[in-house]
Protein backbone atom coordinates (compact mmCIF):
# COMPACT_ATOMS: atom_id res chain seq x y z
CA MET A 1 54.64 -40.27 70.28
CA SER A 2 54.50 -42.80 67.45
CA VAL A 3 52.24 -45.83 66.66
CA ARG A 4 54.32 -49.08 66.15
CA ARG A 5 51.40 -51.12 64.89
CA VAL A 6 47.72 -51.56 65.01
CA VAL A 7 46.37 -55.02 65.56
CA PRO A 8 42.66 -56.29 65.41
CA ASP A 9 41.67 -58.48 68.36
CA ILE A 10 39.11 -61.08 67.82
CA ARG A 11 37.18 -62.73 70.70
CA SER A 12 37.49 -66.47 70.06
CA GLU A 13 36.19 -69.77 71.81
CA ALA A 14 37.77 -71.72 68.92
CA MET A 15 41.31 -70.80 69.20
CA GLN A 16 43.09 -73.66 67.52
CA GLU A 17 40.35 -73.77 64.76
CA SER A 18 40.74 -70.07 64.27
CA ARG A 19 44.58 -70.43 64.16
CA ASP A 20 44.46 -73.03 61.63
CA PHE A 21 41.94 -71.08 59.40
CA TYR A 22 43.99 -67.72 59.50
CA GLY A 23 47.12 -70.03 58.68
CA LEU A 24 45.30 -70.90 55.36
CA LEU A 25 45.55 -67.05 54.57
CA GLY A 26 49.38 -67.08 55.45
CA LEU A 27 49.43 -66.04 59.19
CA GLU A 28 51.57 -68.10 61.53
CA GLU A 29 51.47 -68.11 65.15
CA VAL A 30 54.08 -66.11 66.95
CA MET A 31 52.87 -65.81 70.48
CA ASN A 32 50.63 -68.02 72.65
CA LEU A 33 49.89 -67.62 76.23
CA GLY A 34 46.80 -70.07 76.14
CA TRP A 35 43.90 -67.23 76.66
CA VAL A 36 45.70 -65.08 73.90
CA MET A 37 47.36 -65.81 70.64
CA THR A 38 49.04 -63.66 68.07
CA LEU A 39 49.48 -64.66 64.39
CA ALA A 40 51.57 -62.71 62.05
CA SER A 41 52.88 -62.81 58.42
CA PRO A 42 56.24 -64.42 58.17
CA SER A 43 57.10 -61.98 55.43
CA GLN A 44 55.74 -58.88 57.05
CA PRO A 45 55.68 -59.23 60.78
CA SER A 46 53.95 -56.25 61.64
CA ALA A 47 50.97 -57.60 59.80
CA GLN A 48 49.13 -59.43 62.77
CA LEU A 49 45.90 -60.61 64.33
CA THR A 50 45.14 -61.40 67.81
CA LEU A 51 42.88 -63.95 68.93
CA MET A 52 41.73 -63.80 72.69
CA ARG A 53 39.51 -66.09 74.59
CA HIS A 54 39.29 -63.57 77.50
CA ASP A 55 41.64 -61.09 78.85
CA GLU A 56 43.68 -62.27 81.89
CA SER A 57 43.22 -58.88 83.67
CA VAL A 58 39.94 -57.39 82.84
CA ALA A 59 36.50 -58.81 81.92
CA VAL A 60 36.30 -56.90 78.75
CA VAL A 61 37.95 -58.16 75.41
CA PRO A 62 39.18 -55.28 73.51
CA ASP A 63 38.29 -54.70 69.82
CA LEU A 64 41.95 -53.66 68.59
CA SER A 65 45.32 -53.00 70.25
CA ILE A 66 47.47 -49.95 69.23
CA GLU A 67 51.02 -50.36 70.22
CA VAL A 68 52.77 -47.02 70.91
CA ASP A 69 56.32 -46.03 71.88
CA ASP A 70 55.12 -43.97 74.90
CA VAL A 71 51.95 -45.12 76.68
CA ASP A 72 52.19 -42.85 79.62
CA THR A 73 52.13 -39.86 77.68
CA VAL A 74 49.00 -41.30 75.52
CA TYR A 75 47.32 -42.11 78.66
CA ALA A 76 47.81 -38.47 79.95
CA ALA A 77 46.32 -37.08 76.82
CA VAL A 78 43.24 -39.66 76.80
CA VAL A 79 42.38 -39.07 80.29
CA ALA A 80 42.84 -35.11 79.76
CA SER A 81 40.29 -35.57 76.67
CA GLY A 82 37.63 -37.07 79.10
CA ALA A 83 37.50 -40.40 77.14
CA GLU A 84 36.32 -43.38 79.00
CA ILE A 85 39.08 -45.39 80.68
CA VAL A 86 37.76 -48.96 80.80
CA TYR A 87 40.97 -50.36 82.44
CA PRO A 88 43.48 -48.09 83.96
CA LEU A 89 47.23 -47.80 82.98
CA ARG A 90 49.28 -50.63 84.50
CA ASP A 91 52.16 -52.92 84.07
CA GLU A 92 51.17 -56.63 83.14
CA ALA A 93 52.99 -59.62 84.17
CA TRP A 94 53.60 -60.59 80.64
CA GLY A 95 55.78 -57.62 79.82
CA VAL A 96 53.49 -54.79 78.58
CA ARG A 97 52.27 -51.65 80.06
CA ARG A 98 48.68 -50.80 78.90
CA PHE A 99 45.33 -49.40 79.51
CA PHE A 100 41.87 -49.68 77.65
CA VAL A 101 39.77 -46.78 76.50
CA THR A 102 36.44 -46.55 74.57
CA ASP A 103 36.47 -44.87 71.33
CA PRO A 104 33.53 -42.53 70.10
CA ASN A 105 32.00 -45.76 68.43
CA GLY A 106 31.86 -47.69 71.82
CA ARG A 107 34.98 -49.89 70.59
CA VAL A 108 37.35 -50.89 73.33
CA VAL A 109 41.07 -49.94 72.48
CA ASN A 110 44.01 -51.63 74.15
CA VAL A 111 46.94 -49.11 74.10
CA VAL A 112 50.05 -50.69 74.78
CA SER A 113 53.86 -50.42 75.01
CA HIS A 114 56.17 -53.25 75.80
CA LEU A 115 58.29 -52.76 78.83
CA ARG A 116 61.90 -52.14 78.48
CA GLU A 117 64.33 -54.58 80.27
């Protein structure tokens, strides 16, 4: 299993204002579904930040997202460890397979892989 990227998720009720602010720091909008927006560095695309009004599928907004190459393997390991699953593994309509887990600090982690077409 390999990690592809780690992205901080920021709960925001000021999506456009936040986009404009982080634009001052060099980040540009690369994805916007209305309720979730990803900003990235044009020179280093894996340097990203996600703004989230709410999560489309679950009531909790994660604190960070970790993209992995095999979310099913990671899910099995996390479940076997006894960690608290906040949102079970499933495919989402916007093209990802993911689950949420609580880390030892109480932070909610969105573990995700992009679905292959």
